[in-house]
N, C-alpha and C. Protein backbone atom coordinates (compact mmCIF):
# COMPACT_ATOMS: atom_id res chain seq x y z
N MET A 1 104.77 98.18 97.73
CA MET A 1 105.10 98.25 96.31
C MET A 1 106.60 98.52 96.12
N LYS A 2 107.18 99.38 96.96
CA LYS A 2 108.62 99.66 96.84
C LYS A 2 109.42 98.39 97.06
N PHE A 3 108.99 97.57 98.02
CA PHE A 3 109.68 96.32 98.30
C PHE A 3 109.68 95.42 97.06
N LEU A 4 108.52 95.30 96.41
CA LEU A 4 108.43 94.48 95.19
C LEU A 4 109.25 95.10 94.05
N PHE A 5 109.22 96.41 93.96
CA PHE A 5 110.01 97.10 92.94
C PHE A 5 111.50 96.83 93.14
N ASP A 6 111.93 96.87 94.40
CA ASP A 6 113.33 96.60 94.72
C ASP A 6 113.71 95.15 94.44
N LEU A 7 112.75 94.24 94.58
CA LEU A 7 112.99 92.82 94.34
C LEU A 7 112.94 92.44 92.85
N PHE A 8 112.44 93.33 92.02
CA PHE A 8 112.25 93.08 90.60
C PHE A 8 113.48 92.44 89.93
N PRO A 9 114.69 93.02 90.06
CA PRO A 9 115.85 92.39 89.41
C PRO A 9 116.17 91.00 89.97
N VAL A 10 115.98 90.82 91.27
CA VAL A 10 116.28 89.52 91.89
C VAL A 10 115.31 88.46 91.39
N ILE A 11 114.04 88.81 91.31
CA ILE A 11 113.04 87.86 90.82
C ILE A 11 113.32 87.49 89.36
N LEU A 12 113.62 88.48 88.53
CA LEU A 12 113.93 88.20 87.13
C LEU A 12 115.23 87.40 87.00
N PHE A 13 116.22 87.71 87.85
CA PHE A 13 117.46 86.94 87.87
C PHE A 13 117.15 85.47 88.17
N PHE A 14 116.32 85.24 89.18
CA PHE A 14 115.93 83.89 89.59
C PHE A 14 115.25 83.14 88.43
N ILE A 15 114.28 83.79 87.80
CA ILE A 15 113.55 83.16 86.69
C ILE A 15 114.50 82.85 85.53
N ALA A 16 115.34 83.82 85.17
CA ALA A 16 116.27 83.62 84.05
C ALA A 16 117.25 82.49 84.37
N TYR A 17 117.69 82.41 85.62
CA TYR A 17 118.60 81.33 86.00
C TYR A 17 117.92 79.97 85.82
N LYS A 18 116.68 79.87 86.28
CA LYS A 18 115.97 78.60 86.18
C LYS A 18 115.72 78.21 84.72
N VAL A 19 115.53 79.20 83.85
CA VAL A 19 115.25 78.95 82.44
C VAL A 19 116.52 78.69 81.63
N ASP A 20 117.58 79.52 81.89
CA ASP A 20 118.72 79.46 80.97
C ASP A 20 120.09 79.58 81.64
N GLY A 21 120.19 79.46 82.94
CA GLY A 21 121.49 79.43 83.59
C GLY A 21 122.00 80.76 84.10
N ILE A 22 123.18 80.70 84.71
CA ILE A 22 123.74 81.83 85.43
C ILE A 22 124.13 83.00 84.54
N TYR A 23 124.62 82.72 83.33
CA TYR A 23 125.06 83.82 82.46
C TYR A 23 123.87 84.61 81.91
N ALA A 24 122.82 83.90 81.53
CA ALA A 24 121.59 84.58 81.10
C ALA A 24 121.00 85.37 82.26
N ALA A 25 121.02 84.78 83.44
CA ALA A 25 120.49 85.46 84.63
C ALA A 25 121.28 86.73 84.93
N THR A 26 122.58 86.68 84.71
CA THR A 26 123.41 87.86 84.95
C THR A 26 123.04 88.99 84.00
N VAL A 27 122.86 88.66 82.72
CA VAL A 27 122.44 89.67 81.74
C VAL A 27 121.08 90.25 82.15
N VAL A 28 120.16 89.38 82.53
CA VAL A 28 118.82 89.82 82.93
C VAL A 28 118.89 90.70 84.18
N GLY A 29 119.74 90.34 85.15
CA GLY A 29 119.89 91.15 86.36
C GLY A 29 120.37 92.56 86.06
N ILE A 30 121.36 92.65 85.18
CA ILE A 30 121.86 93.97 84.79
C ILE A 30 120.77 94.75 84.05
N ALA A 31 120.13 94.10 83.09
CA ALA A 31 119.07 94.76 82.30
C ALA A 31 117.90 95.19 83.18
N ALA A 32 117.54 94.37 84.15
CA ALA A 32 116.41 94.71 85.04
C ALA A 32 116.74 95.92 85.90
N THR A 33 117.98 96.04 86.33
CA THR A 33 118.38 97.20 87.13
C THR A 33 118.38 98.46 86.27
N VAL A 34 118.85 98.34 85.04
CA VAL A 34 118.78 99.47 84.10
C VAL A 34 117.31 99.84 83.86
N ALA A 35 116.46 98.83 83.69
CA ALA A 35 115.03 99.08 83.44
C ALA A 35 114.39 99.82 84.62
N GLN A 36 114.79 99.47 85.84
CA GLN A 36 114.27 100.20 87.01
C GLN A 36 114.60 101.68 86.93
N ILE A 37 115.84 101.97 86.61
CA ILE A 37 116.27 103.37 86.53
C ILE A 37 115.54 104.10 85.41
N VAL A 38 115.43 103.46 84.25
CA VAL A 38 114.72 104.06 83.12
C VAL A 38 113.26 104.31 83.48
N TRP A 39 112.63 103.34 84.12
CA TRP A 39 111.22 103.48 84.54
C TRP A 39 111.05 104.68 85.47
N LEU A 40 111.90 104.80 86.46
CA LEU A 40 111.81 105.93 87.39
C LEU A 40 112.07 107.25 86.67
N TRP A 41 113.04 107.25 85.78
CA TRP A 41 113.38 108.46 85.04
C TRP A 41 112.21 108.93 84.17
N PHE A 42 111.58 107.99 83.44
CA PHE A 42 110.44 108.34 82.60
C PHE A 42 109.25 108.81 83.41
N ARG A 43 109.11 108.30 84.61
CA ARG A 43 108.00 108.70 85.48
C ARG A 43 108.30 109.98 86.25
N GLY A 44 109.48 110.53 86.06
CA GLY A 44 109.87 111.76 86.73
C GLY A 44 110.14 111.58 88.21
N ARG A 45 110.46 110.38 88.61
CA ARG A 45 110.72 110.09 90.02
C ARG A 45 112.20 110.23 90.34
N LYS A 46 112.47 110.45 91.60
CA LYS A 46 113.85 110.53 92.07
C LYS A 46 114.46 109.13 92.03
N ILE A 47 115.66 109.04 91.53
CA ILE A 47 116.39 107.77 91.49
C ILE A 47 117.32 107.76 92.70
N ASP A 48 117.04 106.85 93.64
CA ASP A 48 117.83 106.77 94.86
C ASP A 48 119.29 106.48 94.57
N THR A 49 120.15 107.05 95.37
CA THR A 49 121.59 106.80 95.26
C THR A 49 121.88 105.32 95.34
N MET A 50 121.16 104.61 96.21
CA MET A 50 121.40 103.18 96.38
C MET A 50 121.11 102.41 95.09
N LEU A 51 120.16 102.86 94.30
CA LEU A 51 119.87 102.19 93.04
C LEU A 51 121.02 102.40 92.05
N TRP A 52 121.58 103.61 92.04
CA TRP A 52 122.74 103.87 91.18
C TRP A 52 123.93 103.00 91.63
N ILE A 53 124.11 102.89 92.93
CA ILE A 53 125.20 102.06 93.46
C ILE A 53 124.97 100.60 93.08
N SER A 54 123.73 100.15 93.22
CA SER A 54 123.39 98.78 92.85
C SER A 54 123.68 98.53 91.37
N LEU A 55 123.34 99.48 90.52
CA LEU A 55 123.63 99.35 89.09
C LEU A 55 125.14 99.25 88.85
N ALA A 56 125.90 100.09 89.52
CA ALA A 56 127.35 100.05 89.36
C ALA A 56 127.92 98.70 89.80
N VAL A 57 127.47 98.22 90.95
CA VAL A 57 128.01 96.96 91.48
C VAL A 57 127.62 95.78 90.59
N ILE A 58 126.34 95.72 90.18
CA ILE A 58 125.95 94.59 89.32
C ILE A 58 126.60 94.69 87.94
N SER A 59 126.82 95.90 87.46
CA SER A 59 127.49 96.05 86.16
C SER A 59 128.94 95.59 86.24
N ILE A 60 129.62 95.92 87.32
CA ILE A 60 131.02 95.52 87.48
C ILE A 60 131.12 94.01 87.67
N PHE A 61 130.42 93.48 88.67
CA PHE A 61 130.53 92.05 88.96
C PHE A 61 129.86 91.19 87.89
N GLY A 62 128.75 91.67 87.37
CA GLY A 62 128.09 90.96 86.27
C GLY A 62 128.92 91.01 85.01
N GLY A 63 129.51 92.17 84.73
CA GLY A 63 130.37 92.30 83.56
C GLY A 63 131.57 91.36 83.64
N LEU A 64 132.19 91.29 84.80
CA LEU A 64 133.31 90.36 84.98
C LEU A 64 132.87 88.91 84.81
N THR A 65 131.68 88.60 85.32
CA THR A 65 131.14 87.25 85.17
C THR A 65 130.99 86.90 83.70
N LEU A 66 130.45 87.82 82.93
CA LEU A 66 130.20 87.55 81.51
C LEU A 66 131.49 87.55 80.69
N ILE A 67 132.36 88.50 80.93
CA ILE A 67 133.60 88.60 80.15
C ILE A 67 134.52 87.41 80.43
N LEU A 68 134.65 87.06 81.70
CA LEU A 68 135.57 85.99 82.08
C LEU A 68 134.90 84.61 82.15
N GLN A 69 133.57 84.60 81.94
CA GLN A 69 132.80 83.35 82.03
C GLN A 69 133.09 82.62 83.34
N ASP A 70 133.01 83.39 84.44
CA ASP A 70 133.28 82.86 85.78
C ASP A 70 132.16 83.32 86.70
N GLU A 71 131.32 82.38 87.10
CA GLU A 71 130.15 82.71 87.93
C GLU A 71 130.52 83.18 89.33
N ASN A 72 131.75 83.00 89.75
CA ASN A 72 132.14 83.44 91.08
C ASN A 72 132.00 84.95 91.26
N PHE A 73 132.19 85.71 90.19
CA PHE A 73 132.08 87.16 90.31
C PHE A 73 130.66 87.59 90.67
N ILE A 74 129.67 87.00 90.02
CA ILE A 74 128.29 87.39 90.32
C ILE A 74 127.90 86.93 91.72
N LYS A 75 128.52 85.86 92.20
CA LYS A 75 128.26 85.40 93.56
C LYS A 75 128.81 86.38 94.60
N TRP A 76 129.85 87.12 94.24
CA TRP A 76 130.41 88.13 95.14
C TRP A 76 129.58 89.42 95.17
N LYS A 77 128.76 89.64 94.15
CA LYS A 77 128.02 90.90 94.02
C LYS A 77 127.17 91.24 95.25
N PRO A 78 126.32 90.32 95.78
CA PRO A 78 125.53 90.71 96.95
C PRO A 78 126.41 91.07 98.15
N THR A 79 127.49 90.33 98.34
CA THR A 79 128.38 90.63 99.46
C THR A 79 129.00 92.01 99.29
N ALA A 80 129.46 92.32 98.10
CA ALA A 80 130.04 93.65 97.85
C ALA A 80 129.03 94.74 98.16
N LEU A 81 127.79 94.55 97.73
CA LEU A 81 126.75 95.55 97.97
C LEU A 81 126.43 95.66 99.46
N TYR A 82 126.26 94.51 100.13
CA TYR A 82 125.97 94.53 101.58
C TYR A 82 127.10 95.21 102.35
N TRP A 83 128.33 94.85 102.03
CA TRP A 83 129.46 95.42 102.76
C TRP A 83 129.66 96.89 102.44
N LEU A 84 129.31 97.30 101.23
CA LEU A 84 129.36 98.72 100.90
C LEU A 84 128.34 99.49 101.73
N PHE A 85 127.13 98.94 101.86
CA PHE A 85 126.11 99.58 102.70
C PHE A 85 126.59 99.67 104.15
N ALA A 86 127.13 98.56 104.67
CA ALA A 86 127.61 98.54 106.06
C ALA A 86 128.72 99.57 106.26
N ALA A 87 129.67 99.61 105.33
CA ALA A 87 130.78 100.56 105.43
C ALA A 87 130.29 102.00 105.35
N THR A 88 129.29 102.24 104.52
CA THR A 88 128.73 103.59 104.41
C THR A 88 128.07 104.01 105.71
N LEU A 89 127.28 103.11 106.30
CA LEU A 89 126.62 103.42 107.57
C LEU A 89 127.64 103.65 108.69
N LEU A 90 128.62 102.76 108.78
CA LEU A 90 129.64 102.89 109.82
C LEU A 90 130.55 104.08 109.57
N GLY A 91 130.97 104.26 108.32
CA GLY A 91 131.85 105.37 107.98
C GLY A 91 131.19 106.72 108.24
N GLY A 92 129.93 106.82 107.90
CA GLY A 92 129.20 108.06 108.16
C GLY A 92 129.19 108.38 109.64
N GLN A 93 128.96 107.37 110.46
CA GLN A 93 128.88 107.55 111.91
C GLN A 93 130.26 107.82 112.51
N LEU A 94 131.25 106.99 112.17
CA LEU A 94 132.56 107.06 112.82
C LEU A 94 133.43 108.20 112.33
N PHE A 95 133.41 108.45 111.03
CA PHE A 95 134.35 109.43 110.48
C PHE A 95 133.75 110.81 110.24
N PHE A 96 132.44 110.86 110.06
CA PHE A 96 131.81 112.14 109.75
C PHE A 96 130.79 112.57 110.79
N GLY A 97 130.57 111.72 111.80
CA GLY A 97 129.60 112.05 112.84
C GLY A 97 128.19 112.17 112.31
N ARG A 98 127.91 111.49 111.21
CA ARG A 98 126.59 111.59 110.57
C ARG A 98 125.89 110.24 110.62
N ASN A 99 124.72 110.22 111.19
CA ASN A 99 123.92 109.00 111.27
C ASN A 99 123.06 108.93 110.01
N LEU A 100 123.40 108.01 109.12
CA LEU A 100 122.70 107.95 107.84
C LEU A 100 121.29 107.37 107.97
N MET A 101 121.05 106.55 108.98
CA MET A 101 119.68 106.06 109.20
C MET A 101 118.79 107.24 109.60
N LYS A 102 119.31 108.11 110.42
CA LYS A 102 118.55 109.30 110.79
C LYS A 102 118.32 110.20 109.58
N ALA A 103 119.34 110.32 108.74
CA ALA A 103 119.20 111.13 107.52
C ALA A 103 118.12 110.55 106.61
N LEU A 104 118.02 109.22 106.55
CA LEU A 104 117.03 108.57 105.69
C LEU A 104 115.63 108.60 106.28
N LEU A 105 115.53 108.39 107.58
CA LEU A 105 114.22 108.21 108.21
C LEU A 105 113.79 109.33 109.15
N GLY A 106 114.64 110.31 109.33
CA GLY A 106 114.35 111.38 110.29
C GLY A 106 113.10 112.17 110.00
N GLU A 107 112.70 112.23 108.75
CA GLU A 107 111.47 112.95 108.39
C GLU A 107 110.21 112.21 108.85
N GLN A 108 110.29 110.87 108.91
CA GLN A 108 109.13 110.06 109.24
C GLN A 108 109.02 109.73 110.72
N LEU A 109 110.13 109.79 111.44
CA LEU A 109 110.13 109.31 112.81
C LEU A 109 111.07 110.13 113.67
N GLU A 110 110.58 110.45 114.86
CA GLU A 110 111.41 111.17 115.81
C GLU A 110 111.90 110.17 116.85
N LEU A 111 113.21 110.05 116.96
CA LEU A 111 113.82 109.12 117.91
C LEU A 111 114.87 109.85 118.74
N PRO A 112 115.11 109.36 119.95
CA PRO A 112 116.25 109.90 120.70
C PRO A 112 117.56 109.52 120.00
N GLU A 113 118.60 110.28 120.22
CA GLU A 113 119.88 110.02 119.55
C GLU A 113 120.40 108.62 119.82
N SER A 114 120.18 108.12 121.03
CA SER A 114 120.66 106.76 121.36
C SER A 114 119.95 105.71 120.50
N ALA A 115 118.68 105.92 120.22
CA ALA A 115 117.94 104.98 119.37
C ALA A 115 118.42 105.06 117.92
N TRP A 116 118.67 106.27 117.44
CA TRP A 116 119.20 106.42 116.08
C TRP A 116 120.55 105.72 115.97
N SER A 117 121.37 105.88 116.98
CA SER A 117 122.68 105.25 116.98
C SER A 117 122.56 103.72 116.95
N ARG A 118 121.69 103.17 117.79
CA ARG A 118 121.47 101.71 117.78
C ARG A 118 120.96 101.24 116.43
N LEU A 119 120.01 101.96 115.89
CA LEU A 119 119.45 101.59 114.60
C LEU A 119 120.54 101.57 113.52
N ASN A 120 121.37 102.57 113.49
CA ASN A 120 122.46 102.64 112.52
C ASN A 120 123.42 101.45 112.69
N TRP A 121 123.81 101.16 113.92
CA TRP A 121 124.72 100.05 114.19
C TRP A 121 124.08 98.71 113.86
N TRP A 122 122.81 98.55 114.18
CA TRP A 122 122.13 97.28 113.88
C TRP A 122 122.08 97.03 112.38
N TRP A 123 121.78 98.06 111.60
CA TRP A 123 121.73 97.90 110.15
C TRP A 123 123.13 97.59 109.59
N ALA A 124 124.13 98.27 110.09
CA ALA A 124 125.49 97.99 109.64
C ALA A 124 125.89 96.56 109.98
N THR A 125 125.55 96.12 111.17
CA THR A 125 125.84 94.75 111.59
C THR A 125 125.07 93.75 110.73
N PHE A 126 123.81 94.03 110.46
CA PHE A 126 123.00 93.15 109.63
C PHE A 126 123.59 93.03 108.23
N PHE A 127 123.96 94.15 107.63
CA PHE A 127 124.54 94.09 106.28
C PHE A 127 125.87 93.33 106.29
N THR A 128 126.65 93.49 107.33
CA THR A 128 127.90 92.73 107.44
C THR A 128 127.59 91.24 107.51
N PHE A 129 126.64 90.87 108.36
CA PHE A 129 126.23 89.47 108.48
C PHE A 129 125.71 88.92 107.15
N MET A 130 124.90 89.70 106.44
CA MET A 130 124.34 89.24 105.16
C MET A 130 125.45 88.99 104.15
N GLY A 131 126.48 89.82 104.16
CA GLY A 131 127.61 89.61 103.26
C GLY A 131 128.32 88.29 103.55
N VAL A 132 128.52 88.02 104.84
CA VAL A 132 129.15 86.76 105.24
C VAL A 132 128.26 85.57 104.88
N ALA A 133 126.97 85.69 105.15
CA ALA A 133 126.02 84.60 104.84
C ALA A 133 126.01 84.31 103.34
N ASN A 134 126.03 85.37 102.53
CA ASN A 134 126.05 85.18 101.08
C ASN A 134 127.30 84.40 100.66
N LEU A 135 128.46 84.79 101.17
CA LEU A 135 129.69 84.09 100.81
C LEU A 135 129.67 82.64 101.27
N PHE A 136 129.13 82.42 102.46
CA PHE A 136 129.05 81.05 102.98
C PHE A 136 128.23 80.16 102.04
N VAL A 137 127.06 80.65 101.66
CA VAL A 137 126.19 79.87 100.77
C VAL A 137 126.82 79.76 99.38
N ALA A 138 127.34 80.86 98.87
CA ALA A 138 127.89 80.89 97.51
C ALA A 138 129.03 79.90 97.32
N PHE A 139 129.86 79.74 98.34
CA PHE A 139 131.06 78.94 98.15
C PHE A 139 131.07 77.62 98.93
N ASN A 140 129.94 77.28 99.54
CA ASN A 140 129.82 75.98 100.22
C ASN A 140 128.66 75.15 99.69
N PHE A 141 127.88 75.74 98.80
CA PHE A 141 126.73 75.04 98.23
C PHE A 141 126.75 75.21 96.72
N SER A 142 125.83 74.55 96.05
CA SER A 142 125.76 74.64 94.59
C SER A 142 125.26 76.02 94.16
N THR A 143 125.50 76.33 92.90
CA THR A 143 125.00 77.59 92.34
C THR A 143 123.48 77.64 92.44
N ASP A 144 122.83 76.51 92.21
CA ASP A 144 121.38 76.44 92.32
C ASP A 144 120.93 76.80 93.74
N ASP A 145 121.61 76.26 94.74
CA ASP A 145 121.29 76.59 96.13
C ASP A 145 121.52 78.06 96.41
N TRP A 146 122.62 78.61 95.86
CA TRP A 146 122.91 80.03 96.07
C TRP A 146 121.83 80.92 95.46
N VAL A 147 121.38 80.59 94.25
CA VAL A 147 120.33 81.39 93.60
C VAL A 147 119.04 81.33 94.43
N ASN A 148 118.71 80.15 94.93
CA ASN A 148 117.53 80.02 95.79
C ASN A 148 117.69 80.84 97.07
N PHE A 149 118.89 80.79 97.67
CA PHE A 149 119.15 81.58 98.87
C PHE A 149 119.04 83.07 98.57
N LYS A 150 119.55 83.48 97.43
CA LYS A 150 119.53 84.90 97.04
C LYS A 150 118.10 85.45 97.04
N LEU A 151 117.16 84.66 96.50
CA LEU A 151 115.78 85.13 96.46
C LEU A 151 115.05 84.86 97.77
N PHE A 152 115.08 83.63 98.21
CA PHE A 152 114.25 83.26 99.36
C PHE A 152 114.93 83.48 100.71
N GLY A 153 116.17 83.04 100.84
CA GLY A 153 116.86 83.16 102.12
C GLY A 153 117.18 84.59 102.48
N ALA A 154 117.82 85.30 101.56
CA ALA A 154 118.21 86.69 101.83
C ALA A 154 116.97 87.57 102.02
N THR A 155 115.96 87.35 101.20
CA THR A 155 114.73 88.13 101.33
C THR A 155 114.03 87.81 102.66
N GLY A 156 114.00 86.54 103.02
CA GLY A 156 113.40 86.14 104.29
C GLY A 156 114.13 86.73 105.48
N LEU A 157 115.47 86.68 105.45
CA LEU A 157 116.25 87.28 106.53
C LEU A 157 116.01 88.79 106.62
N MET A 158 115.91 89.43 105.46
CA MET A 158 115.65 90.87 105.44
C MET A 158 114.29 91.18 106.05
N LEU A 159 113.28 90.40 105.70
CA LEU A 159 111.93 90.62 106.27
C LEU A 159 111.92 90.43 107.78
N VAL A 160 112.58 89.39 108.25
CA VAL A 160 112.65 89.15 109.70
C VAL A 160 113.36 90.31 110.39
N PHE A 161 114.45 90.78 109.81
CA PHE A 161 115.19 91.89 110.39
C PHE A 161 114.36 93.17 110.41
N VAL A 162 113.67 93.44 109.31
CA VAL A 162 112.82 94.64 109.23
C VAL A 162 111.70 94.56 110.27
N LEU A 163 111.11 93.38 110.42
CA LEU A 163 110.06 93.22 111.44
C LEU A 163 110.63 93.46 112.84
N ALA A 164 111.82 92.96 113.10
CA ALA A 164 112.45 93.19 114.40
C ALA A 164 112.70 94.68 114.61
N GLN A 165 113.12 95.37 113.56
CA GLN A 165 113.31 96.82 113.67
C GLN A 165 111.98 97.53 113.92
N GLY A 166 110.93 97.01 113.28
CA GLY A 166 109.59 97.57 113.51
C GLY A 166 109.16 97.44 114.96
N LEU A 167 109.47 96.31 115.57
CA LEU A 167 109.17 96.12 116.99
C LEU A 167 109.94 97.11 117.85
N PHE A 168 111.21 97.29 117.53
CA PHE A 168 112.03 98.26 118.25
C PHE A 168 111.47 99.67 118.10
N LEU A 169 111.08 100.03 116.89
CA LEU A 169 110.59 101.38 116.62
C LEU A 169 109.17 101.61 117.12
N SER A 170 108.42 100.55 117.35
CA SER A 170 107.01 100.69 117.73
C SER A 170 106.81 101.51 118.99
N LYS A 171 107.74 101.45 119.90
CA LYS A 171 107.59 102.23 121.14
C LYS A 171 107.71 103.73 120.90
N TYR A 172 108.18 104.10 119.71
CA TYR A 172 108.34 105.52 119.38
C TYR A 172 107.24 106.02 118.44
N LEU A 173 106.30 105.14 118.03
CA LEU A 173 105.29 105.53 117.05
C LEU A 173 104.44 106.70 117.51
N GLY A 174 104.18 106.80 118.78
CA GLY A 174 103.38 107.91 119.31
C GLY A 174 104.09 109.24 119.14
N GLU A 175 105.40 109.17 118.87
CA GLU A 175 106.19 110.39 118.73
C GLU A 175 106.43 110.76 117.28
N SER A 176 105.78 110.06 116.34
CA SER A 176 105.99 110.33 114.91
C SER A 176 105.62 111.75 114.57
N LYS A 177 106.33 112.27 113.60
CA LYS A 177 106.05 113.65 113.14
C LYS A 177 104.82 113.68 112.29
């Protein structure tokens, strides 16, 4: 359910794009992200920092898209978000000695430090790759192709990566807390 909840703005963006174009989709994407936060707030749930960051990034890049009537800004939004995630993971590890993957998942899984380190680096590398892939599609293919990639390609790559991480973590399942 969390996966579908996280995909909510992307799915609505996709539908709005198909119905009324990139500018309508941008408005819908921003509104859907706001709606997620409002929904969580009304339900008394914790609003993840990443959701606040996502709202900030889509508001900035989406706002520039709408104000300047230039779809290139919204095409940069996923890359900015992916690279921000990668920089956060790497920065936490390199500059503060803090493994953010362990901070996020340490309650659910016990891993040796070397495994936590690999997991952190793999996610940072994946987010870096996703940012590059987004730019490649955004600026070498049509907007229609980019929107399709945003929903299907990026989501598919994320699922494959998560499954690969699941295989890596499976050897530690017997050690779960």
